Amino acid sequence: MPLVRRLSSALPAKPVIGFVALLAVLFVCAYVAGAAAGPVAPGIRPSGTLPGTSQQPGGGGSMDGMSGMDGMGGMGEMG
């Protein structure tokens, strides 16, 4: 019996083992659901130039649609 006592004292408490088992089951379920859903964005490409063009995506940083933001140029100045 001393071996059983040593083994039981070396193992974590039953609630801890149950919690870890629950996490493992949830991880497996999430993985299966993600694999079944497939890729989120199948046509996504790495950033950089688009195939067949010489421009960067996004138009080079223009500020279109930022009307009403006049006076934001001096935000870093102390004064």
Protein backbone atom coordinates (compact mmCIF):
# COMPACT_ATOMS: atom_id res chain seq x y z
CA MET A 1 0.00 0.00 0.00
CA PRO A 2 2.83 2.52 0.47
CA LEU A 3 3.30 2.62 -3.32
CA VAL A 4 -0.36 3.55 -3.82
CA ARG A 5 -0.09 6.35 -1.24
CA ARG A 6 3.05 7.73 -2.88
CA LEU A 7 1.45 7.60 -6.29
CA SER A 8 -1.75 9.27 -5.11
CA SER A 9 0.18 12.03 -3.33
CA ALA A 10 2.29 12.66 -6.46
CA LEU A 11 -0.75 13.13 -8.70
CA PRO A 12 -2.66 16.43 -8.69
CA ALA A 13 -6.10 16.59 -7.11
CA LYS A 14 -9.05 15.07 -8.96
CA PRO A 15 -10.63 18.44 -9.83
CA VAL A 16 -7.38 19.53 -11.48
CA ILE A 17 -7.27 16.35 -13.55
CA GLY A 18 -10.91 16.87 -14.53
CA PHE A 19 -10.26 20.48 -15.53
CA VAL A 20 -7.30 19.51 -17.71
CA ALA A 21 -9.38 16.77 -19.32
CA LEU A 22 -12.18 19.26 -20.01
CA LEU A 23 -9.69 21.65 -21.62
CA ALA A 24 -8.39 18.83 -23.81
CA VAL A 25 -11.92 17.90 -24.92
CA LEU A 26 -12.75 21.54 -25.70
CA PHE A 27 -9.53 21.94 -27.67
CA VAL A 28 -10.31 18.85 -29.76
CA CYS A 29 -13.87 20.06 -30.40
CA ALA A 30 -12.64 23.51 -31.46
CA TYR A 31 -10.04 21.96 -33.77
CA VAL A 32 -12.63 19.69 -35.41
CA ALA A 33 -15.06 22.59 -35.88
CA GLY A 34 -12.32 24.75 -37.41
CA ALA A 35 -11.21 21.99 -39.74
CA ALA A 36 -14.81 21.45 -40.85
CA ALA A 37 -15.33 25.18 -41.52
CA GLY A 38 -12.30 25.38 -43.79
CA PRO A 39 -10.08 28.38 -44.43
CA VAL A 40 -11.45 31.74 -43.35
CA ALA A 41 -10.05 33.74 -46.26
CA PRO A 42 -9.04 31.37 -49.07
CA GLY A 43 -7.96 34.16 -51.47
CA ILE A 44 -5.74 36.01 -49.02
CA ARG A 45 -2.21 36.84 -50.18
CA PRO A 46 0.83 38.12 -48.31
CA SER A 47 1.30 41.87 -48.18
CA GLY A 48 3.45 43.49 -50.83
CA THR A 49 2.85 44.14 -54.48
CA LEU A 50 -0.19 42.64 -56.12
CA PRO A 51 0.44 40.20 -58.99
CA GLY A 52 0.70 42.08 -62.27
CA THR A 53 1.02 45.55 -60.70
CA SER A 54 3.84 47.71 -59.41
CA GLN A 55 1.81 49.52 -56.71
CA GLN A 56 1.53 48.67 -53.06
CA PRO A 57 -2.00 47.74 -51.95
CA GLY A 58 -3.92 50.52 -50.27
CA GLY A 59 -3.04 53.36 -52.64
CA GLY A 60 0.20 54.47 -50.98
CA GLY A 61 -1.22 56.01 -47.82
CA SER A 62 -3.54 58.68 -49.14
CA MET A 63 -5.82 60.33 -46.59
CA ASP A 64 -9.05 60.08 -48.59
CA GLY A 65 -12.11 60.15 -46.39
CA MET A 66 -10.36 61.96 -43.54
CA SER A 67 -12.19 65.27 -43.85
CA GLY A 68 -12.64 67.15 -40.62
CA MET A 69 -9.19 66.21 -39.37
CA ASP A 70 -7.55 69.62 -40.16
CA GLY A 71 -5.43 70.82 -37.24
CA MET A 72 -4.21 67.33 -36.33
CA GLY A 73 -0.76 68.15 -37.71
CA GLY A 74 0.54 69.71 -34.49
CA MET A 75 -0.33 66.87 -32.15
CA GLY A 76 3.30 66.16 -31.24
CA GLU A 77 4.36 69.75 -30.61
CA MET A 78 4.67 71.16 -27.13
CA GLY A 79 3.37 74.64 -26.83
